[in-house]
Every structure is written in structure tokens, then in C-alpha cells.
Amino acid sequence: MTIDPSWYLTLAAVLFTIGAVGMLVRRNILVMFMCIELMLNAANLTFVTFSRSLNDVGGQISVFFVLVVAAAEVVVGLAIIVAIYRRRIGATADDQHLLKG
């Protein structure tokens, strides 16, 4: 039994939609970061699906670069989140004015 690539693309669309809705609805910064990572993983699944369907390695190389950028984003983003949470416990995305010197 083989799985059609449309199943993977549908799964990627559902994951991206969940991430986008979570990003728009939630105000907790950590949850927003998880939603961004979910959207990036949905894009990675799309890249790998098309790469496998077209027998081209370019999509898998793109996934590698997306993962590198996501790792850098997490490092910088978590540093900012820790700086905000040190000033106020339970800070939300609207409390970014706390970082002013």
C-alpha cells in the first residue's frame, strides 16, 4: 500500500493552519513560539513531499536550511523571552515594552 503525496500535503496544510490559528489566538509568548515552529515544520513537510515526488534533492536541502534558521530563531527568541520573564512573571506578547533600556 502506498500513500499518495496529497495526504502529506493535506497534513502539512492542517499543521500550518493549527500553527497560524494558535499564533493569532494565543498571547503567551512560549505558545506563540511553538506555533511558529509548527508552521515551519509544516513547510518542511511540504518541501520533503515535493522533493520526493519530483525525485529532486533540492527540497531536502531547503529543509536543512529552514531547520538551521529555526534553530537560530529559537536561540535569539528564547533569550528575549527569558529577558521579559525576568522582569515580569506571566508576561504576554503585549509586554514587549519592558525591554526598553
PDB file of N, CA and C in Angstrom:
ATOM      1  N   MET A   1       0.842  -1.178   0.000  1.00  0.00           N
ATOM      2  CA  MET A   1       0.000   0.000   0.000  1.00  0.00           C
ATOM      3  C   MET A   1       0.885   1.239   0.000  1.00  0.00           C
ATOM      4  N   THR A   2       0.640   2.136  -0.916  1.00  0.00           N
ATOM      5  CA  THR A   2       1.404   3.385  -0.988  1.00  0.00           C
ATOM      6  C   THR A   2       0.512   4.552  -0.589  1.00  0.00           C
ATOM      7  N   ILE A   3       1.143   5.523  -0.021  1.00  0.00           N
ATOM      8  CA  ILE A   3       0.412   6.724   0.394  1.00  0.00           C
ATOM      9  C   ILE A   3       0.654   7.809  -0.646  1.00  0.00           C
ATOM     10  N   ASP A   4      -0.412   8.375  -1.131  1.00  0.00           N
ATOM     11  CA  ASP A   4      -0.354   9.428  -2.136  1.00  0.00           C
ATOM     12  C   ASP A   4       0.227  10.700  -1.521  1.00  0.00           C
ATOM     13  N   PRO A   5       1.015  11.466  -2.278  1.00  0.00           N
ATOM     14  CA  PRO A   5       1.578  12.718  -1.729  1.00  0.00           C
ATOM     15  C   PRO A   5       0.526  13.729  -1.280  1.00  0.00           C
ATOM     16  N   SER A   6      -0.680  13.618  -1.793  1.00  0.00           N
ATOM     17  CA  SER A   6      -1.721  14.563  -1.379  1.00  0.00           C
ATOM     18  C   SER A   6      -2.050  14.414   0.107  1.00  0.00           C
ATOM     19  N   TRP A   7      -1.857  13.216   0.666  1.00  0.00           N
ATOM     20  CA  TRP A   7      -2.081  13.025   2.096  1.00  0.00           C
ATOM     21  C   TRP A   7      -1.066  13.826   2.906  1.00  0.00           C
ATOM     22  N   TYR A   8       0.177  13.803   2.476  1.00  0.00           N
ATOM     23  CA  TYR A   8       1.213  14.572   3.175  1.00  0.00           C
ATOM     24  C   TYR A   8       0.955  16.072   3.054  1.00  0.00           C
ATOM     25  N   LEU A   9       0.519  16.500   1.873  1.00  0.00           N
ATOM     26  CA  LEU A   9       0.228  17.928   1.686  1.00  0.00           C
ATOM     27  C   LEU A   9      -0.979  18.360   2.511  1.00  0.00           C
ATOM     28  N   THR A  10      -1.966  17.483   2.636  1.00  0.00           N
ATOM     29  CA  THR A  10      -3.118  17.795   3.482  1.00  0.00           C
ATOM     30  C   THR A  10      -2.706  17.898   4.943  1.00  0.00           C
ATOM     31  N   LEU A  11      -1.861  16.962   5.382  1.00  0.00           N
ATOM     32  CA  LEU A  11      -1.357  17.016   6.755  1.00  0.00           C
ATOM     33  C   LEU A  11      -0.561  18.302   6.991  1.00  0.00           C
ATOM     34  N   ALA A  12       0.261  18.684   6.021  1.00  0.00           N
ATOM     35  CA  ALA A  12       1.030  19.917   6.150  1.00  0.00           C
ATOM     36  C   ALA A  12       0.110  21.138   6.220  1.00  0.00           C
ATOM     37  N   ALA A  13      -0.946  21.135   5.421  1.00  0.00           N
ATOM     38  CA  ALA A  13      -1.896  22.249   5.460  1.00  0.00           C
ATOM     39  C   ALA A  13      -2.610  22.328   6.803  1.00  0.00           C
ATOM     40  N   VAL A  14      -2.979  21.177   7.349  1.00  0.00           N
ATOM     41  CA  VAL A  14      -3.646  21.155   8.661  1.00  0.00           C
ATOM     42  C   VAL A  14      -2.689  21.646   9.748  1.00  0.00           C
ATOM     43  N   LEU A  15      -1.439  21.179   9.724  1.00  0.00           N
ATOM     44  CA  LEU A  15      -0.458  21.626  10.719  1.00  0.00           C
ATOM     45  C   LEU A  15      -0.201  23.126  10.610  1.00  0.00           C
ATOM     46  N   PHE A  16      -0.092  23.623   9.381  1.00  0.00           N
ATOM     47  CA  PHE A  16       0.141  25.055   9.202  1.00  0.00           C
ATOM     48  C   PHE A  16      -1.047  25.864   9.692  1.00  0.00           C
ATOM     49  N   THR A  17      -2.254  25.372   9.430  1.00  0.00           N
ATOM     50  CA  THR A  17      -3.457  26.079   9.888  1.00  0.00           C
ATOM     51  C   THR A  17      -3.534  26.104  11.405  1.00  0.00           C
ATOM     52  N   ILE A  18      -3.219  24.988  12.046  1.00  0.00           N
ATOM     53  CA  ILE A  18      -3.213  24.949  13.512  1.00  0.00           C
ATOM     54  C   ILE A  18      -2.192  25.945  14.064  1.00  0.00           C
ATOM     55  N   GLY A  19      -1.018  25.984  13.456  1.00  0.00           N
ATOM     56  CA  GLY A  19       0.005  26.935  13.896  1.00  0.00           C
ATOM     57  C   GLY A  19      -0.413  28.382  13.696  1.00  0.00           C
ATOM     58  N   ALA A  20      -1.025  28.676  12.550  1.00  0.00           N
ATOM     59  CA  ALA A  20      -1.446  30.056  12.275  1.00  0.00           C
ATOM     60  C   ALA A  20      -2.562  30.498  13.215  1.00  0.00           C
ATOM     61  N   VAL A  21      -3.531  29.623  13.460  1.00  0.00           N
ATOM     62  CA  VAL A  21      -4.613  29.960  14.380  1.00  0.00           C
ATOM     63  C   VAL A  21      -4.073  30.140  15.793  1.00  0.00           C
ATOM     64  N   GLY A  22      -3.176  29.250  16.202  1.00  0.00           N
ATOM     65  CA  GLY A  22      -2.561  29.388  17.526  1.00  0.00           C
ATOM     66  C   GLY A  22      -1.768  30.666  17.655  1.00  0.00           C
ATOM     67  N   MET A  23      -1.109  31.070  16.596  1.00  0.00           N
ATOM     68  CA  MET A  23      -0.330  32.309  16.620  1.00  0.00           C
ATOM     69  C   MET A  23      -1.249  33.527  16.759  1.00  0.00           C
ATOM     70  N   LEU A  24      -2.386  33.490  16.110  1.00  0.00           N
ATOM     71  CA  LEU A  24      -3.306  34.630  16.152  1.00  0.00           C
ATOM     72  C   LEU A  24      -4.126  34.689  17.434  1.00  0.00           C
ATOM     73  N   VAL A  25      -4.405  33.549  18.030  1.00  0.00           N
ATOM     74  CA  VAL A  25      -5.318  33.499  19.171  1.00  0.00           C
ATOM     75  C   VAL A  25      -4.598  33.641  20.502  1.00  0.00           C
ATOM     76  N   ARG A  26      -3.470  32.983  20.663  1.00  0.00           N
ATOM     77  CA  ARG A  26      -2.791  32.938  21.959  1.00  0.00           C
ATOM     78  C   ARG A  26      -1.954  34.188  22.197  1.00  0.00           C
ATOM     79  N   ARG A  27      -1.781  34.564  23.461  1.00  0.00           N
ATOM     80  CA  ARG A  27      -0.972  35.722  23.822  1.00  0.00           C
ATOM     81  C   ARG A  27       0.290  35.310  24.577  1.00  0.00           C
ATOM     82  N   ASN A  28       0.399  34.054  24.981  1.00  0.00           N
ATOM     83  CA  ASN A  28       1.581  33.584  25.673  1.00  0.00           C
ATOM     84  C   ASN A  28       2.727  33.450  24.671  1.00  0.00           C
ATOM     85  N   ILE A  29       3.869  33.991  25.026  1.00  0.00           N
ATOM     86  CA  ILE A  29       4.980  34.055  24.088  1.00  0.00           C
ATOM     87  C   ILE A  29       5.524  32.663  23.774  1.00  0.00           C
ATOM     88  N   LEU A  30       5.600  31.799  24.762  1.00  0.00           N
ATOM     89  CA  LEU A  30       6.111  30.451  24.518  1.00  0.00           C
ATOM     90  C   LEU A  30       5.194  29.659  23.592  1.00  0.00           C
ATOM     91  N   VAL A  31       3.904  29.801  23.768  1.00  0.00           N
ATOM     92  CA  VAL A  31       2.951  29.116  22.892  1.00  0.00           C
ATOM     93  C   VAL A  31       3.055  29.677  21.475  1.00  0.00           C
ATOM     94  N   MET A  32       3.289  30.971  21.359  1.00  0.00           N
ATOM     95  CA  MET A  32       3.456  31.573  20.037  1.00  0.00           C
ATOM     96  C   MET A  32       4.699  31.016  19.349  1.00  0.00           C
ATOM     97  N   PHE A  33       5.772  30.813  20.099  1.00  0.00           N
ATOM     98  CA  PHE A  33       6.976  30.213  19.530  1.00  0.00           C
ATOM     99  C   PHE A  33       6.710  28.784  19.062  1.00  0.00           C
ATOM    100  N   MET A  34       5.967  28.026  19.848  1.00  0.00           N
ATOM    101  CA  MET A  34       5.650  26.659  19.438  1.00  0.00           C
ATOM    102  C   MET A  34       4.801  26.652  18.168  1.00  0.00           C
ATOM    103  N   CYS A  35       3.918  27.628  18.030  1.00  0.00           N
ATOM    104  CA  CYS A  35       3.097  27.715  16.822  1.00  0.00           C
ATOM    105  C   CYS A  35       3.948  28.068  15.601  1.00  0.00           C
ATOM    106  N   ILE A  36       4.932  28.931  15.787  1.00  0.00           N
ATOM    107  CA  ILE A  36       5.839  29.249  14.688  1.00  0.00           C
ATOM    108  C   ILE A  36       6.621  28.013  14.267  1.00  0.00           C
ATOM    109  N   GLU A  37       7.094  27.252  15.240  1.00  0.00           N
ATOM    110  CA  GLU A  37       7.824  26.025  14.926  1.00  0.00           C
ATOM    111  C   GLU A  37       6.918  25.013  14.216  1.00  0.00           C
ATOM    112  N   LEU A  38       5.655  24.957  14.607  1.00  0.00           N
ATOM    113  CA  LEU A  38       4.708  24.064  13.942  1.00  0.00           C
ATOM    114  C   LEU A  38       4.516  24.474  12.483  1.00  0.00           C
ATOM    115  N   MET A  39       4.436  25.769  12.222  1.00  0.00           N
ATOM    116  CA  MET A  39       4.292  26.237  10.846  1.00  0.00           C
ATOM    117  C   MET A  39       5.554  25.945  10.031  1.00  0.00           C
ATOM    118  N   LEU A  40       6.721  26.098  10.642  1.00  0.00           N
ATOM    119  CA  LEU A  40       7.961  25.784   9.923  1.00  0.00           C
ATOM    120  C   LEU A  40       8.052  24.290   9.614  1.00  0.00           C
ATOM    121  N   ASN A  41       7.619  23.446  10.535  1.00  0.00           N
ATOM    122  CA  ASN A  41       7.635  22.012  10.275  1.00  0.00           C
ATOM    123  C   ASN A  41       6.624  21.621   9.194  1.00  0.00           C
ATOM    124  N   ALA A  42       5.518  22.326   9.117  1.00  0.00           N
ATOM    125  CA  ALA A  42       4.563  22.074   8.039  1.00  0.00           C
ATOM    126  C   ALA A  42       5.183  22.443   6.688  1.00  0.00           C
ATOM    127  N   ALA A  43       5.908  23.536   6.652  1.00  0.00           N
ATOM    128  CA  ALA A  43       6.601  23.912   5.414  1.00  0.00           C
ATOM    129  C   ALA A  43       7.671  22.880   5.061  1.00  0.00           C
ATOM    130  N   ASN A  44       8.368  22.363   6.071  1.00  0.00           N
ATOM    131  CA  ASN A  44       9.373  21.326   5.824  1.00  0.00           C
ATOM    132  C   ASN A  44       8.739  20.061   5.257  1.00  0.00           C
ATOM    133  N   LEU A  45       7.582  19.682   5.781  1.00  0.00           N
ATOM    134  CA  LEU A  45       6.891  18.509   5.267  1.00  0.00           C
ATOM    135  C   LEU A  45       6.498  18.707   3.807  1.00  0.00           C
ATOM    136  N   THR A  46       6.099  19.914   3.461  1.00  0.00           N
ATOM    137  CA  THR A  46       5.760  20.221   2.067  1.00  0.00           C
ATOM    138  C   THR A  46       6.993  20.127   1.180  1.00  0.00           C
ATOM    139  N   PHE A  47       8.111  20.681   1.646  1.00  0.00           N
ATOM    140  CA  PHE A  47       9.354  20.602   0.872  1.00  0.00           C
ATOM    141  C   PHE A  47       9.758  19.148   0.625  1.00  0.00           C
ATOM    142  N   VAL A  48       9.708  18.330   1.660  1.00  0.00           N
ATOM    143  CA  VAL A  48      10.117  16.930   1.522  1.00  0.00           C
ATOM    144  C   VAL A  48       9.153  16.172   0.618  1.00  0.00           C
ATOM    145  N   THR A  49       7.873  16.466   0.701  1.00  0.00           N
ATOM    146  CA  THR A  49       6.884  15.795  -0.148  1.00  0.00           C
ATOM    147  C   THR A  49       7.137  16.091  -1.618  1.00  0.00           C
ATOM    148  N   PHE A  50       7.343  17.366  -1.941  1.00  0.00           N
ATOM    149  CA  PHE A  50       7.603  17.702  -3.337  1.00  0.00           C
ATOM    150  C   PHE A  50       8.961  17.189  -3.795  1.00  0.00           C
ATOM    151  N   SER A  51       9.924  17.182  -2.899  1.00  0.00           N
ATOM    152  CA  SER A  51      11.234  16.652  -3.237  1.00  0.00           C
ATOM    153  C   SER A  51      11.154  15.169  -3.589  1.00  0.00           C
ATOM    154  N   ARG A  52      10.396  14.438  -2.815  1.00  0.00           N
ATOM    155  CA  ARG A  52      10.255  13.001  -3.085  1.00  0.00           C
ATOM    156  C   ARG A  52       9.428  12.754  -4.336  1.00  0.00           C
ATOM    157  N   SER A  53       8.390  13.556  -4.551  1.00  0.00           N
ATOM    158  CA  SER A  53       7.530  13.367  -5.724  1.00  0.00           C
ATOM    159  C   SER A  53       8.264  13.674  -7.025  1.00  0.00           C
ATOM    160  N   LEU A  54       9.131  14.676  -6.984  1.00  0.00           N
ATOM    161  CA  LEU A  54       9.832  15.105  -8.193  1.00  0.00           C
ATOM    162  C   LEU A  54      11.201  14.455  -8.346  1.00  0.00           C
ATOM    163  N   ASN A  55      11.580  13.593  -7.394  1.00  0.00           N
ATOM    164  CA  ASN A  55      12.895  12.954  -7.393  1.00  0.00           C
ATOM    165  C   ASN A  55      14.025  13.980  -7.501  1.00  0.00           C
ATOM    166  N   ASP A  56      13.897  15.018  -6.693  1.00  0.00           N
ATOM    167  CA  ASP A  56      14.896  16.085  -6.664  1.00  0.00           C
ATOM    168  C   ASP A  56      15.341  16.282  -5.225  1.00  0.00           C
ATOM    169  N   VAL A  57      16.610  16.507  -5.037  1.00  0.00           N
ATOM    170  CA  VAL A  57      17.135  16.647  -3.680  1.00  0.00           C
ATOM    171  C   VAL A  57      17.065  18.097  -3.191  1.00  0.00           C
ATOM    172  N   GLY A  58      16.642  19.009  -4.032  1.00  0.00           N
ATOM    173  CA  GLY A  58      16.592  20.428  -3.679  1.00  0.00           C
ATOM    174  C   GLY A  58      15.664  20.733  -2.516  1.00  0.00           C
ATOM    175  N   GLY A  59      14.553  20.033  -2.428  1.00  0.00           N
ATOM    176  CA  GLY A  59      13.622  20.254  -1.322  1.00  0.00           C
ATOM    177  C   GLY A  59      14.208  19.834   0.011  1.00  0.00           C
ATOM    178  N   GLN A  60      14.963  18.760  -0.001  1.00  0.00           N
ATOM    179  CA  GLN A  60      15.579  18.302   1.241  1.00  0.00           C
ATOM    180  C   GLN A  60      16.703  19.237   1.684  1.00  0.00           C
ATOM    181  N   ILE A  61      17.386  19.837   0.729  1.00  0.00           N
ATOM    182  CA  ILE A  61      18.403  20.841   1.066  1.00  0.00           C
ATOM    183  C   ILE A  61      17.730  22.072   1.660  1.00  0.00           C
ATOM    184  N   SER A  62      16.575  22.445   1.112  1.00  0.00           N
ATOM    185  CA  SER A  62      15.827  23.583   1.662  1.00  0.00           C
ATOM    186  C   SER A  62      15.395  23.306   3.098  1.00  0.00           C
ATOM    187  N   VAL A  63      15.004  22.079   3.385  1.00  0.00           N
ATOM    188  CA  VAL A  63      14.617  21.698   4.748  1.00  0.00           C
ATOM    189  C   VAL A  63      15.793  21.890   5.695  1.00  0.00           C
ATOM    190  N   PHE A  64      16.975  21.520   5.256  1.00  0.00           N
ATOM    191  CA  PHE A  64      18.162  21.707   6.090  1.00  0.00           C
ATOM    192  C   PHE A  64      18.354  23.175   6.441  1.00  0.00           C
ATOM    193  N   PHE A  65      18.221  24.067   5.463  1.00  0.00           N
ATOM    194  CA  PHE A  65      18.399  25.491   5.728  1.00  0.00           C
ATOM    195  C   PHE A  65      17.276  26.047   6.602  1.00  0.00           C
ATOM    196  N   VAL A  66      16.054  25.575   6.407  1.00  0.00           N
ATOM    197  CA  VAL A  66      14.945  26.018   7.262  1.00  0.00           C
ATOM    198  C   VAL A  66      15.192  25.598   8.704  1.00  0.00           C
ATOM    199  N   LEU A  67      15.703  24.392   8.916  1.00  0.00           N
ATOM    200  CA  LEU A  67      15.991  23.933  10.269  1.00  0.00           C
ATOM    201  C   LEU A  67      17.102  24.751  10.918  1.00  0.00           C
ATOM    202  N   VAL A  68      18.099  25.147  10.139  1.00  0.00           N
ATOM    203  CA  VAL A  68      19.176  25.985  10.677  1.00  0.00           C
ATOM    204  C   VAL A  68      18.635  27.352  11.078  1.00  0.00           C
ATOM    205  N   VAL A  69      17.808  27.945  10.239  1.00  0.00           N
ATOM    206  CA  VAL A  69      17.215  29.248  10.560  1.00  0.00           C
ATOM    207  C   VAL A  69      16.286  29.127  11.766  1.00  0.00           C
ATOM    208  N   ALA A  70      15.536  28.035  11.867  1.00  0.00           N
ATOM    209  CA  ALA A  70      14.639  27.828  13.009  1.00  0.00           C
ATOM    210  C   ALA A  70      15.436  27.694  14.298  1.00  0.00           C
ATOM    211  N   ALA A  71      16.572  27.020  14.240  1.00  0.00           N
ATOM    212  CA  ALA A  71      17.403  26.882  15.442  1.00  0.00           C
ATOM    213  C   ALA A  71      17.949  28.231  15.876  1.00  0.00           C
ATOM    214  N   ALA A  72      18.379  29.049  14.924  1.00  0.00           N
ATOM    215  CA  ALA A  72      18.871  30.388  15.268  1.00  0.00           C
ATOM    216  C   ALA A  72      17.742  31.250  15.825  1.00  0.00           C
ATOM    217  N   GLU A  73      16.556  31.112  15.266  1.00  0.00           N
ATOM    218  CA  GLU A  73      15.396  31.872  15.746  1.00  0.00           C
ATOM    219  C   GLU A  73      15.049  31.480  17.172  1.00  0.00           C
ATOM    220  N   VAL A  74      15.148  30.214  17.482  1.00  0.00           N
ATOM    221  CA  VAL A  74      14.841  29.755  18.834  1.00  0.00           C
ATOM    222  C   VAL A  74      15.857  30.308  19.826  1.00  0.00           C
ATOM    223  N   VAL A  75      17.121  30.323  19.458  1.00  0.00           N
ATOM    224  CA  VAL A  75      18.153  30.827  20.370  1.00  0.00           C
ATOM    225  C   VAL A  75      17.917  32.297  20.688  1.00  0.00           C
ATOM    226  N   VAL A  76      17.711  33.105  19.669  1.00  0.00           N
ATOM    227  CA  VAL A  76      17.502  34.541  19.892  1.00  0.00           C
ATOM    228  C   VAL A  76      16.161  34.788  20.566  1.00  0.00           C
ATOM    229  N   GLY A  77      15.131  34.084  20.108  1.00  0.00           N
ATOM    230  CA  GLY A  77      13.795  34.285  20.670  1.00  0.00           C
ATOM    231  C   GLY A  77      13.704  33.889  22.129  1.00  0.00           C
ATOM    232  N   LEU A  78      14.304  32.773  22.487  1.00  0.00           N
ATOM    233  CA  LEU A  78      14.258  32.360  23.888  1.00  0.00           C
ATOM    234  C   LEU A  78      15.055  33.304  24.780  1.00  0.00           C
ATOM    235  N   ALA A  79      16.119  33.884  24.261  1.00  0.00           N
ATOM    236  CA  ALA A  79      16.859  34.872  25.044  1.00  0.00           C
ATOM    237  C   ALA A  79      15.988  36.098  25.323  1.00  0.00           C
ATOM    238  N   ILE A  80      15.231  36.529  24.350  1.00  0.00           N
ATOM    239  CA  ILE A  80      14.321  37.666  24.541  1.00  0.00           C
ATOM    240  C   ILE A  80      13.211  37.299  25.519  1.00  0.00           C
ATOM    241  N   ILE A  81      12.673  36.089  25.394  1.00  0.00           N
ATOM    242  CA  ILE A  81      11.605  35.652  26.297  1.00  0.00           C
ATOM    243  C   ILE A  81      12.103  35.581  27.731  1.00  0.00           C
ATOM    244  N   VAL A  82      13.310  35.055  27.933  1.00  0.00           N
ATOM    245  CA  VAL A  82      13.866  34.978  29.286  1.00  0.00           C
ATOM    246  C   VAL A  82      14.069  36.387  29.848  1.00  0.00           C
ATOM    247  N   ALA A  83      14.501  37.318  29.013  1.00  0.00           N
ATOM    248  CA  ALA A  83      14.678  38.698  29.480  1.00  0.00           C
ATOM    249  C   ALA A  83      13.347  39.323  29.894  1.00  0.00           C
ATOM    250  N   ILE A  84      12.288  39.017  29.169  1.00  0.00           N
ATOM    251  CA  ILE A  84      10.965  39.550  29.527  1.00  0.00           C
ATOM    252  C   ILE A  84      10.456  38.893  30.801  1.00  0.00           C
ATOM    253  N   TYR A  85      10.599  37.579  30.923  1.00  0.00           N
ATOM    254  CA  TYR A  85      10.085  36.872  32.093  1.00  0.00           C
ATOM    255  C   TYR A  85      10.862  37.207  33.360  1.00  0.00           C
ATOM    256  N   ARG A  86      12.105  37.648  33.235  1.00  0.00           N
ATOM    257  CA  ARG A  86      12.850  38.063  34.425  1.00  0.00           C
ATOM    258  C   ARG A  86      12.284  39.351  35.010  1.00  0.00           C
ATOM    259  N   ARG A  87      11.743  40.184  34.157  1.00  0.00           N
ATOM    260  CA  ARG A  87      11.162  41.441  34.637  1.00  0.00           C
ATOM    261  C   ARG A  87       9.757  41.258  35.177  1.00  0.00           C
ATOM    262  N   ARG A  88       8.975  40.386  34.550  1.00  0.00           N
ATOM    263  CA  ARG A  88       7.588  40.186  34.985  1.00  0.00           C
ATOM    264  C   ARG A  88       7.175  38.750  34.716  1.00  0.00           C
ATOM    265  N   ILE A  89       6.751  38.068  35.762  1.00  0.00           N
ATOM    266  CA  ILE A  89       6.278  36.689  35.633  1.00  0.00           C
ATOM    267  C   ILE A  89       4.908  36.720  34.947  1.00  0.00           C
ATOM    268  N   GLY A  90       4.693  35.821  34.012  1.00  0.00           N
ATOM    269  CA  GLY A  90       3.411  35.751  33.322  1.00  0.00           C
ATOM    270  C   GLY A  90       3.245  36.822  32.265  1.00  0.00           C
ATOM    271  N   ALA A  91       4.344  37.285  31.706  1.00  0.00           N
ATOM    272  CA  ALA A  91       4.284  38.322  30.677  1.00  0.00           C
ATOM    273  C   ALA A  91       3.648  37.763  29.407  1.00  0.00           C
ATOM    274  N   THR A  92       2.980  38.632  28.671  1.00  0.00           N
ATOM    275  CA  THR A  92       2.359  38.248  27.407  1.00  0.00           C
ATOM    276  C   THR A  92       3.087  38.942  26.262  1.00  0.00           C
ATOM    277  N   ALA A  93       2.611  38.707  25.055  1.00  0.00           N
ATOM    278  CA  ALA A  93       3.245  39.303  23.877  1.00  0.00           C
ATOM    279  C   ALA A  93       3.092  40.821  23.855  1.00  0.00           C
ATOM    280  N   ASP A  94       2.128  41.346  24.582  1.00  0.00           N
ATOM    281  CA  ASP A  94       1.919  42.787  24.618  1.00  0.00           C
ATOM    282  C   ASP A  94       2.892  43.508  25.541  1.00  0.00           C
ATOM    283  N   ASP A  95       3.684  42.751  26.298  1.00  0.00           N
ATOM    284  CA  ASP A  95       4.600  43.349  27.273  1.00  0.00           C
ATOM    285  C   ASP A  95       6.006  43.539  26.722  1.00  0.00           C
ATOM    286  N   GLN A  96       6.151  43.731  25.449  1.00  0.00           N
ATOM    287  CA  GLN A  96       7.483  43.895  24.879  1.00  0.00           C
ATOM    288  C   GLN A  96       8.090  45.266  25.200  1.00  0.00           C
ATOM    289  N   HIS A  97       7.271  46.188  25.676  1.00  0.00           N
ATOM    290  CA  HIS A  97       7.792  47.497  26.070  1.00  0.00           C
ATOM    291  C   HIS A  97       8.688  47.405  27.307  1.00  0.00           C
ATOM    292  N   LEU A  98       8.674  46.266  27.987  1.00  0.00           N
ATOM    293  CA  LEU A  98       9.524  46.063  29.154  1.00  0.00           C
ATOM    294  C   LEU A  98      11.008  46.015  28.798  1.00  0.00           C
ATOM    295  N   LEU A  99      11.324  45.794  27.541  1.00  0.00           N
ATOM    296  CA  LEU A  99      12.713  45.657  27.135  1.00  0.00           C
ATOM    297  C   LEU A  99      13.410  46.994  26.885  1.00  0.00           C
ATOM    298  N   LYS A 100      12.661  48.095  26.969  1.00  0.00           N
ATOM    299  CA  LYS A 100      13.289  49.398  26.766  1.00  0.00           C
ATOM    300  C   LYS A 100      14.269  49.668  27.887  1.00  0.00           C
ATOM    301  N   GLY A 101      15.431  50.183  27.502  1.00  0.00           N
ATOM    302  CA  GLY A 101      16.524  50.397  28.451  1.00  0.00           C
ATOM    303  C   GLY A 101      16.193  51.395  29.462  1.00  0.00           C
TER     304      GLY A 101
END
